[in-house]
Amino acid sequence: MKVISDEILHLYLIKPSLLDLSTREDIENRKIKDFNFRKRIEELQIFYKELENINKGVIILTPFKIKKEPDNYKLAAMNNSRYDDEFQYLTTFASAENLIMIRVHYKKSTKEYKLYLVSENMDKVKNVSLTIQGSDKEYITDNEGITTINDLNIDENTIISVKQL
């Protein structure tokens, strides 16, 4: 088996036309057969996607707190009735470098998520674009940094990107 260095993999991802046909075919075949090789290529693809996002001014937020059971927040006096119609805290996403985070709340009865973008500087959360990895849709926050999503599933594996408009 031919040795394929990281430099060749970088070229393959950036500009495959610089590689000869046999090398490109070797990489394609090895991607199918070798799990670790495929993982390495995925890591490099993620690196280049992050680099592209940094150059575009996009902030990536990752899960900050993972909870198995959502907490209920009740604003009225507690009683024994069911609270399916209330938003429950689900998780938090954060970017420590940019001092920005998103608190996610979920409403079981309507299957909708309410995302609260929070930052020291409120200008960073007003009317910004949110994209969720794996989705082609873009969500815009209001002047309070809030947006509602009802067509996706958000969990601890979700990655959210924030971009100033």
N, C-alpha and C. Protein backbone atom coordinates (compact mmCIF):
# COMPACT_ATOMS: atom_id res chain seq x y z
N MET A 1 0.84 -1.18 0.00
CA MET A 1 0.00 0.00 0.00
C MET A 1 0.89 1.24 0.00
N LYS A 2 0.55 2.16 -0.85
CA LYS A 2 1.30 3.40 -1.01
C LYS A 2 1.08 4.31 0.21
N VAL A 3 2.16 4.92 0.69
CA VAL A 3 2.06 5.85 1.81
C VAL A 3 1.51 7.18 1.30
N ILE A 4 0.45 7.66 1.99
CA ILE A 4 -0.16 8.93 1.62
C ILE A 4 0.01 9.88 2.80
N SER A 5 0.83 10.89 2.62
CA SER A 5 1.14 11.82 3.71
C SER A 5 0.02 12.84 3.89
N ASP A 6 0.08 13.54 5.02
CA ASP A 6 -0.89 14.60 5.29
C ASP A 6 -0.82 15.71 4.23
N GLU A 7 0.40 15.98 3.75
CA GLU A 7 0.55 17.02 2.73
C GLU A 7 -0.25 16.67 1.48
N ILE A 8 -0.22 15.40 1.10
CA ILE A 8 -0.97 14.96 -0.07
C ILE A 8 -2.47 15.05 0.20
N LEU A 9 -2.88 14.70 1.43
CA LEU A 9 -4.29 14.81 1.78
C LEU A 9 -4.77 16.27 1.75
N HIS A 10 -3.93 17.18 2.21
CA HIS A 10 -4.27 18.60 2.15
C HIS A 10 -4.46 19.04 0.69
N LEU A 11 -3.55 18.62 -0.16
CA LEU A 11 -3.67 18.95 -1.58
C LEU A 11 -4.95 18.35 -2.16
N TYR A 12 -5.24 17.12 -1.77
CA TYR A 12 -6.44 16.43 -2.25
C TYR A 12 -7.70 17.22 -1.89
N LEU A 13 -7.72 17.80 -0.69
CA LEU A 13 -8.89 18.55 -0.24
C LEU A 13 -8.94 19.97 -0.81
N ILE A 14 -7.77 20.59 -0.98
CA ILE A 14 -7.73 21.98 -1.44
C ILE A 14 -7.85 22.06 -2.96
N LYS A 15 -7.01 21.31 -3.65
CA LYS A 15 -7.01 21.37 -5.12
C LYS A 15 -6.57 20.02 -5.68
N PRO A 16 -7.52 19.09 -5.80
CA PRO A 16 -7.17 17.73 -6.23
C PRO A 16 -6.56 17.67 -7.64
N SER A 17 -6.79 18.67 -8.46
CA SER A 17 -6.24 18.64 -9.82
C SER A 17 -4.71 18.70 -9.82
N LEU A 18 -4.11 19.09 -8.69
CA LEU A 18 -2.64 19.12 -8.61
C LEU A 18 -2.05 17.72 -8.42
N LEU A 19 -2.89 16.76 -8.06
CA LEU A 19 -2.43 15.38 -7.87
C LEU A 19 -2.66 14.58 -9.14
N ASP A 20 -1.79 13.59 -9.35
CA ASP A 20 -2.00 12.75 -10.53
C ASP A 20 -3.20 11.82 -10.31
N LEU A 21 -3.73 11.28 -11.37
CA LEU A 21 -4.94 10.47 -11.33
C LEU A 21 -4.78 9.24 -10.44
N SER A 22 -3.64 8.58 -10.49
CA SER A 22 -3.45 7.37 -9.68
C SER A 22 -3.47 7.67 -8.18
N THR A 23 -2.92 8.81 -7.78
CA THR A 23 -2.94 9.20 -6.37
C THR A 23 -4.35 9.51 -5.91
N ARG A 24 -5.11 10.21 -6.74
CA ARG A 24 -6.51 10.51 -6.39
C ARG A 24 -7.32 9.23 -6.27
N GLU A 25 -7.09 8.29 -7.18
CA GLU A 25 -7.80 7.01 -7.12
C GLU A 25 -7.41 6.22 -5.88
N ASP A 26 -6.11 6.25 -5.52
CA ASP A 26 -5.65 5.57 -4.29
C ASP A 26 -6.36 6.14 -3.07
N ILE A 27 -6.47 7.46 -3.01
CA ILE A 27 -7.13 8.11 -1.87
C ILE A 27 -8.60 7.71 -1.83
N GLU A 28 -9.28 7.75 -2.97
CA GLU A 28 -10.70 7.38 -3.02
C GLU A 28 -10.92 5.94 -2.57
N ASN A 29 -10.09 5.03 -3.05
CA ASN A 29 -10.23 3.62 -2.67
C ASN A 29 -9.93 3.40 -1.20
N ARG A 30 -8.91 4.05 -0.71
CA ARG A 30 -8.53 3.88 0.70
C ARG A 30 -9.57 4.49 1.63
N LYS A 31 -10.22 5.58 1.18
CA LYS A 31 -11.30 6.19 1.96
C LYS A 31 -12.43 5.19 2.21
N ILE A 32 -12.72 4.39 1.21
CA ILE A 32 -13.79 3.41 1.32
C ILE A 32 -13.40 2.26 2.25
N LYS A 33 -12.17 1.82 2.18
CA LYS A 33 -11.73 0.62 2.91
C LYS A 33 -11.20 0.87 4.31
N ASP A 34 -10.57 2.01 4.55
CA ASP A 34 -9.85 2.27 5.80
C ASP A 34 -10.59 3.31 6.65
N PHE A 35 -11.17 2.85 7.76
CA PHE A 35 -11.94 3.72 8.65
C PHE A 35 -11.09 4.86 9.20
N ASN A 36 -9.88 4.57 9.69
CA ASN A 36 -9.02 5.61 10.27
C ASN A 36 -8.59 6.63 9.22
N PHE A 37 -8.35 6.18 8.02
CA PHE A 37 -7.99 7.08 6.93
C PHE A 37 -9.15 8.02 6.62
N ARG A 38 -10.35 7.45 6.55
CA ARG A 38 -11.55 8.25 6.30
C ARG A 38 -11.75 9.28 7.41
N LYS A 39 -11.54 8.88 8.67
CA LYS A 39 -11.66 9.81 9.81
C LYS A 39 -10.66 10.94 9.69
N ARG A 40 -9.44 10.64 9.25
CA ARG A 40 -8.42 11.68 9.10
C ARG A 40 -8.85 12.71 8.04
N ILE A 41 -9.40 12.22 6.95
CA ILE A 41 -9.88 13.13 5.91
C ILE A 41 -11.02 13.98 6.44
N GLU A 42 -11.93 13.39 7.22
CA GLU A 42 -13.04 14.15 7.81
C GLU A 42 -12.51 15.23 8.76
N GLU A 43 -11.48 14.90 9.54
CA GLU A 43 -10.87 15.89 10.44
C GLU A 43 -10.32 17.07 9.65
N LEU A 44 -9.64 16.77 8.56
CA LEU A 44 -9.07 17.84 7.73
C LEU A 44 -10.18 18.66 7.07
N GLN A 45 -11.26 18.01 6.66
CA GLN A 45 -12.39 18.74 6.08
C GLN A 45 -13.00 19.69 7.10
N ILE A 46 -13.14 19.23 8.34
CA ILE A 46 -13.66 20.08 9.41
C ILE A 46 -12.73 21.27 9.64
N PHE A 47 -11.42 20.99 9.63
CA PHE A 47 -10.43 22.06 9.80
C PHE A 47 -10.61 23.14 8.74
N TYR A 48 -10.72 22.73 7.47
CA TYR A 48 -10.87 23.70 6.40
C TYR A 48 -12.20 24.43 6.46
N LYS A 49 -13.24 23.76 6.89
CA LYS A 49 -14.54 24.43 7.04
C LYS A 49 -14.46 25.48 8.15
N GLU A 50 -13.81 25.13 9.28
CA GLU A 50 -13.63 26.10 10.38
C GLU A 50 -12.79 27.28 9.91
N LEU A 51 -11.74 27.00 9.17
CA LEU A 51 -10.88 28.08 8.66
C LEU A 51 -11.67 29.00 7.74
N GLU A 52 -12.48 28.43 6.90
CA GLU A 52 -13.32 29.22 6.00
C GLU A 52 -14.30 30.09 6.80
N ASN A 53 -14.88 29.51 7.86
CA ASN A 53 -15.82 30.26 8.70
C ASN A 53 -15.14 31.41 9.42
N ILE A 54 -13.93 31.18 9.91
CA ILE A 54 -13.18 32.24 10.60
C ILE A 54 -12.95 33.40 9.65
N ASN A 55 -12.60 33.07 8.43
CA ASN A 55 -12.35 34.12 7.43
C ASN A 55 -13.61 34.88 7.06
N LYS A 56 -14.77 34.27 7.28
CA LYS A 56 -16.04 34.93 6.97
C LYS A 56 -16.64 35.63 8.19
N GLY A 57 -16.01 35.56 9.35
CA GLY A 57 -16.54 36.19 10.56
C GLY A 57 -17.61 35.36 11.24
N VAL A 58 -17.63 34.06 11.00
CA VAL A 58 -18.62 33.17 11.61
C VAL A 58 -18.08 32.64 12.93
N ILE A 59 -18.94 32.62 13.95
CA ILE A 59 -18.57 32.09 15.26
C ILE A 59 -19.26 30.74 15.43
N ILE A 60 -18.48 29.71 15.75
CA ILE A 60 -19.02 28.37 15.95
C ILE A 60 -19.30 28.18 17.44
N LEU A 61 -20.51 27.73 17.77
CA LEU A 61 -20.88 27.46 19.15
C LEU A 61 -21.07 25.96 19.33
N THR A 62 -20.49 25.43 20.38
CA THR A 62 -20.61 24.00 20.67
C THR A 62 -21.31 23.82 22.01
N PRO A 63 -21.81 22.61 22.28
CA PRO A 63 -22.54 22.40 23.54
C PRO A 63 -21.69 22.75 24.76
N PHE A 64 -22.28 23.48 25.66
CA PHE A 64 -21.60 23.92 26.88
C PHE A 64 -21.98 23.02 28.05
N LYS A 65 -23.25 22.66 28.11
CA LYS A 65 -23.77 21.87 29.22
C LYS A 65 -24.66 20.79 28.65
N ILE A 66 -24.36 19.55 28.99
CA ILE A 66 -25.17 18.44 28.49
C ILE A 66 -25.97 17.86 29.65
N LYS A 67 -27.27 17.83 29.47
CA LYS A 67 -28.16 17.29 30.50
C LYS A 67 -29.01 16.21 29.87
N LYS A 68 -29.26 15.16 30.61
CA LYS A 68 -30.12 14.09 30.11
C LYS A 68 -31.59 14.46 30.25
N GLU A 69 -31.94 15.12 31.31
CA GLU A 69 -33.33 15.51 31.55
C GLU A 69 -33.42 17.03 31.56
N PRO A 70 -34.35 17.61 30.80
CA PRO A 70 -34.49 19.07 30.83
C PRO A 70 -35.07 19.55 32.16
N ASP A 71 -34.66 20.73 32.57
CA ASP A 71 -35.19 21.34 33.78
C ASP A 71 -36.46 22.10 33.45
N ASN A 72 -37.42 22.09 34.35
CA ASN A 72 -38.63 22.88 34.16
C ASN A 72 -38.45 24.22 34.86
N TYR A 73 -38.83 25.29 34.18
CA TYR A 73 -38.84 26.60 34.79
C TYR A 73 -40.30 27.05 34.84
N LYS A 74 -40.78 27.28 36.03
CA LYS A 74 -42.17 27.68 36.21
C LYS A 74 -42.19 29.08 36.81
N LEU A 75 -42.94 29.95 36.19
CA LEU A 75 -42.99 31.32 36.66
C LEU A 75 -44.19 31.58 37.57
N ALA A 76 -45.10 30.64 37.67
CA ALA A 76 -46.27 30.79 38.52
C ALA A 76 -46.12 29.89 39.75
N ALA A 77 -47.06 29.98 40.65
CA ALA A 77 -47.03 29.12 41.84
C ALA A 77 -47.08 27.66 41.39
N MET A 78 -46.28 26.82 42.03
CA MET A 78 -46.23 25.41 41.63
C MET A 78 -47.51 24.69 42.05
N ASN A 79 -47.99 23.84 41.17
CA ASN A 79 -49.10 22.96 41.50
C ASN A 79 -48.86 21.62 40.82
N ASN A 80 -49.77 20.71 40.91
CA ASN A 80 -49.57 19.38 40.39
C ASN A 80 -49.98 19.21 38.93
N SER A 81 -50.39 20.27 38.26
CA SER A 81 -50.81 20.13 36.87
C SER A 81 -49.60 19.92 35.97
N ARG A 82 -49.86 19.41 34.78
CA ARG A 82 -48.79 19.13 33.82
C ARG A 82 -48.32 20.42 33.15
N TYR A 83 -47.07 20.45 32.76
CA TYR A 83 -46.48 21.65 32.16
C TYR A 83 -45.96 21.35 30.76
N ASP A 84 -46.72 20.59 29.97
CA ASP A 84 -46.31 20.29 28.60
C ASP A 84 -46.34 21.51 27.71
N ASP A 85 -47.08 22.53 28.13
CA ASP A 85 -47.23 23.72 27.31
C ASP A 85 -46.20 24.80 27.64
N GLU A 86 -45.21 24.47 28.43
CA GLU A 86 -44.18 25.44 28.80
C GLU A 86 -42.87 25.09 28.13
N PHE A 87 -42.06 26.11 27.90
CA PHE A 87 -40.72 25.87 27.40
C PHE A 87 -39.86 25.35 28.55
N GLN A 88 -39.08 24.32 28.26
CA GLN A 88 -38.17 23.74 29.25
C GLN A 88 -36.74 23.97 28.78
N TYR A 89 -35.86 24.27 29.73
CA TYR A 89 -34.45 24.44 29.40
C TYR A 89 -33.91 23.11 28.88
N LEU A 90 -33.18 23.15 27.77
CA LEU A 90 -32.63 21.93 27.19
C LEU A 90 -31.10 21.89 27.31
N THR A 91 -30.42 22.88 26.78
CA THR A 91 -28.96 22.90 26.82
C THR A 91 -28.44 24.30 26.49
N THR A 92 -27.13 24.46 26.60
CA THR A 92 -26.47 25.73 26.29
C THR A 92 -25.33 25.47 25.32
N PHE A 93 -25.18 26.34 24.34
CA PHE A 93 -24.06 26.31 23.41
C PHE A 93 -23.23 27.57 23.66
N ALA A 94 -21.90 27.45 23.53
CA ALA A 94 -21.07 28.61 23.85
C ALA A 94 -19.81 28.67 23.01
N SER A 95 -19.28 29.86 22.91
CA SER A 95 -17.97 30.11 22.34
C SER A 95 -17.26 31.01 23.34
N ALA A 96 -16.37 30.44 24.13
CA ALA A 96 -15.70 31.19 25.19
C ALA A 96 -14.82 32.29 24.63
N GLU A 97 -14.21 32.04 23.47
CA GLU A 97 -13.31 33.04 22.88
C GLU A 97 -14.06 34.31 22.51
N ASN A 98 -15.33 34.17 22.15
CA ASN A 98 -16.11 35.32 21.69
C ASN A 98 -17.12 35.80 22.72
N LEU A 99 -17.12 35.19 23.91
CA LEU A 99 -18.04 35.56 25.00
C LEU A 99 -19.48 35.64 24.51
N ILE A 100 -19.92 34.57 23.87
CA ILE A 100 -21.28 34.51 23.36
C ILE A 100 -21.83 33.11 23.61
N MET A 101 -23.13 33.02 23.94
CA MET A 101 -23.73 31.71 24.16
C MET A 101 -25.19 31.71 23.73
N ILE A 102 -25.73 30.52 23.54
CA ILE A 102 -27.13 30.34 23.18
C ILE A 102 -27.74 29.38 24.19
N ARG A 103 -28.82 29.83 24.82
CA ARG A 103 -29.59 28.95 25.71
C ARG A 103 -30.76 28.41 24.89
N VAL A 104 -30.94 27.11 24.92
CA VAL A 104 -31.97 26.47 24.12
C VAL A 104 -33.07 25.97 25.05
N HIS A 105 -34.31 26.35 24.73
CA HIS A 105 -35.49 25.89 25.47
C HIS A 105 -36.39 25.14 24.49
N TYR A 106 -37.10 24.13 24.99
CA TYR A 106 -37.92 23.27 24.14
C TYR A 106 -39.34 23.18 24.67
N LYS A 107 -40.30 23.28 23.78
CA LYS A 107 -41.72 23.16 24.14
C LYS A 107 -42.24 21.86 23.54
N LYS A 108 -42.52 20.89 24.41
CA LYS A 108 -42.88 19.55 23.98
C LYS A 108 -44.18 19.51 23.18
N SER A 109 -45.18 20.28 23.58
CA SER A 109 -46.49 20.22 22.93
C SER A 109 -46.45 20.70 21.48
N THR A 110 -45.61 21.67 21.16
CA THR A 110 -45.54 22.20 19.80
C THR A 110 -44.27 21.76 19.07
N LYS A 111 -43.38 21.08 19.78
CA LYS A 111 -42.09 20.61 19.23
C LYS A 111 -41.28 21.76 18.64
N GLU A 112 -41.26 22.88 19.36
CA GLU A 112 -40.48 24.00 18.89
C GLU A 112 -39.39 24.36 19.89
N TYR A 113 -38.32 24.92 19.36
CA TYR A 113 -37.18 25.36 20.16
C TYR A 113 -37.14 26.87 20.14
N LYS A 114 -36.81 27.45 21.28
CA LYS A 114 -36.59 28.88 21.36
C LYS A 114 -35.12 29.05 21.74
N LEU A 115 -34.38 29.76 20.91
CA LEU A 115 -32.96 29.98 21.13
C LEU A 115 -32.74 31.41 21.57
N TYR A 116 -32.07 31.57 22.71
CA TYR A 116 -31.77 32.89 23.28
C TYR A 116 -30.28 33.13 23.16
N LEU A 117 -29.91 34.05 22.30
CA LEU A 117 -28.51 34.40 22.11
C LEU A 117 -28.13 35.43 23.16
N VAL A 118 -27.05 35.17 23.90
CA VAL A 118 -26.66 36.02 25.02
C VAL A 118 -25.19 36.44 24.87
N SER A 119 -24.92 37.72 25.12
CA SER A 119 -23.56 38.24 25.07
C SER A 119 -23.47 39.50 25.93
N GLU A 120 -22.26 39.86 26.31
CA GLU A 120 -22.07 41.12 27.05
C GLU A 120 -22.51 42.30 26.20
N ASN A 121 -22.21 42.23 24.94
CA ASN A 121 -22.53 43.30 24.01
C ASN A 121 -23.81 42.92 23.25
N MET A 122 -24.92 43.59 23.54
CA MET A 122 -26.20 43.26 22.92
C MET A 122 -26.19 43.47 21.40
N ASP A 123 -25.27 44.28 20.89
CA ASP A 123 -25.18 44.46 19.44
C ASP A 123 -24.75 43.17 18.74
N LYS A 124 -24.06 42.29 19.48
CA LYS A 124 -23.61 41.02 18.91
C LYS A 124 -24.75 40.02 18.73
N VAL A 125 -25.89 40.25 19.40
CA VAL A 125 -26.99 39.28 19.34
C VAL A 125 -28.20 39.78 18.55
N LYS A 126 -28.24 41.05 18.24
CA LYS A 126 -29.37 41.62 17.50
C LYS A 126 -29.28 41.26 16.02
N ASN A 127 -30.35 40.71 15.50
CA ASN A 127 -30.46 40.45 14.06
C ASN A 127 -29.23 39.75 13.48
N VAL A 128 -28.82 38.67 14.10
CA VAL A 128 -27.69 37.88 13.58
C VAL A 128 -28.22 36.61 12.93
N SER A 129 -27.42 36.04 12.08
CA SER A 129 -27.77 34.82 11.36
C SER A 129 -27.29 33.60 12.14
N LEU A 130 -28.19 32.64 12.36
CA LEU A 130 -27.84 31.37 13.00
C LEU A 130 -27.99 30.27 11.97
N THR A 131 -26.99 29.42 11.84
CA THR A 131 -27.12 28.24 10.99
C THR A 131 -26.77 27.02 11.84
N ILE A 132 -27.46 25.95 11.56
CA ILE A 132 -27.25 24.71 12.30
C ILE A 132 -26.63 23.71 11.34
N GLN A 133 -25.51 23.11 11.78
CA GLN A 133 -24.79 22.18 10.93
C GLN A 133 -25.73 21.06 10.47
N GLY A 134 -25.73 20.78 9.17
CA GLY A 134 -26.59 19.76 8.61
C GLY A 134 -27.89 20.30 8.04
N SER A 135 -28.12 21.60 8.21
CA SER A 135 -29.33 22.23 7.70
C SER A 135 -28.95 23.34 6.73
N ASP A 136 -29.75 23.50 5.70
CA ASP A 136 -29.49 24.56 4.72
C ASP A 136 -30.17 25.87 5.12
N LYS A 137 -31.00 25.82 6.16
CA LYS A 137 -31.77 27.00 6.54
C LYS A 137 -30.94 27.96 7.40
N GLU A 138 -31.34 29.22 7.35
CA GLU A 138 -30.70 30.27 8.13
C GLU A 138 -31.80 30.90 8.99
N TYR A 139 -31.50 31.12 10.26
CA TYR A 139 -32.46 31.70 11.19
C TYR A 139 -31.91 33.05 11.66
N ILE A 140 -32.77 34.05 11.71
CA ILE A 140 -32.36 35.40 12.10
C ILE A 140 -32.96 35.72 13.47
N THR A 141 -32.12 36.21 14.39
CA THR A 141 -32.63 36.59 15.71
C THR A 141 -33.30 37.94 15.63
N ASP A 142 -34.19 38.20 16.59
CA ASP A 142 -34.85 39.50 16.65
C ASP A 142 -33.95 40.49 17.41
N ASN A 143 -34.47 41.65 17.75
CA ASN A 143 -33.67 42.66 18.46
C ASN A 143 -33.28 42.24 19.87
N GLU A 144 -33.93 41.22 20.39
CA GLU A 144 -33.60 40.71 21.72
C GLU A 144 -32.65 39.51 21.65
N GLY A 145 -32.30 39.06 20.45
CA GLY A 145 -31.42 37.91 20.29
C GLY A 145 -32.14 36.58 20.40
N ILE A 146 -33.44 36.56 20.06
CA ILE A 146 -34.26 35.36 20.20
C ILE A 146 -34.74 34.90 18.82
N THR A 147 -34.74 33.60 18.61
CA THR A 147 -35.34 33.02 17.41
C THR A 147 -36.03 31.72 17.78
N THR A 148 -37.04 31.35 16.99
CA THR A 148 -37.79 30.12 17.23
C THR A 148 -37.58 29.18 16.05
N ILE A 149 -37.35 27.91 16.37
CA ILE A 149 -37.12 26.89 15.35
C ILE A 149 -38.10 25.75 15.60
N ASN A 150 -38.83 25.35 14.57
CA ASN A 150 -39.75 24.24 14.77
C ASN A 150 -39.63 23.17 13.69
N ASP A 151 -38.59 23.22 12.90
CA ASP A 151 -38.43 22.24 11.84
C ASP A 151 -37.15 21.41 11.94
N LEU A 152 -36.47 21.47 13.08
CA LEU A 152 -35.23 20.71 13.29
C LEU A 152 -35.22 20.07 14.66
N ASN A 153 -34.31 19.13 14.83
CA ASN A 153 -34.08 18.54 16.14
C ASN A 153 -32.73 19.04 16.65
N ILE A 154 -32.71 19.60 17.85
CA ILE A 154 -31.48 20.11 18.45
C ILE A 154 -31.13 19.23 19.64
N ASP A 155 -29.89 18.73 19.68
CA ASP A 155 -29.44 17.93 20.81
C ASP A 155 -27.99 18.26 21.13
N GLU A 156 -27.36 17.43 21.97
CA GLU A 156 -25.99 17.74 22.42
C GLU A 156 -24.96 17.56 21.31
N ASN A 157 -25.32 16.99 20.17
CA ASN A 157 -24.39 16.83 19.06
C ASN A 157 -24.51 17.95 18.02
N THR A 158 -25.41 18.86 18.25
CA THR A 158 -25.66 19.96 17.32
C THR A 158 -24.53 20.99 17.40
N ILE A 159 -24.20 21.56 16.26
CA ILE A 159 -23.23 22.66 16.21
C ILE A 159 -23.93 23.84 15.55
N ILE A 160 -23.88 24.98 16.21
CA ILE A 160 -24.55 26.18 15.73
C ILE A 160 -23.51 27.24 15.39
N SER A 161 -23.70 27.89 14.24
CA SER A 161 -22.82 28.97 13.81
C SER A 161 -23.58 30.29 13.87
N VAL A 162 -22.87 31.34 14.29
CA VAL A 162 -23.46 32.68 14.41
C VAL A 162 -22.66 33.61 13.52
N LYS A 163 -23.39 34.44 12.75
CA LYS A 163 -22.71 35.39 11.87
C LYS A 163 -23.45 36.72 11.90
N GLN A 164 -22.69 37.80 12.12
CA GLN A 164 -23.26 39.15 12.08
C GLN A 164 -23.72 39.47 10.68
N LEU A 165 -24.88 40.08 10.58
CA LEU A 165 -25.38 40.48 9.25
C LEU A 165 -24.88 41.85 8.87
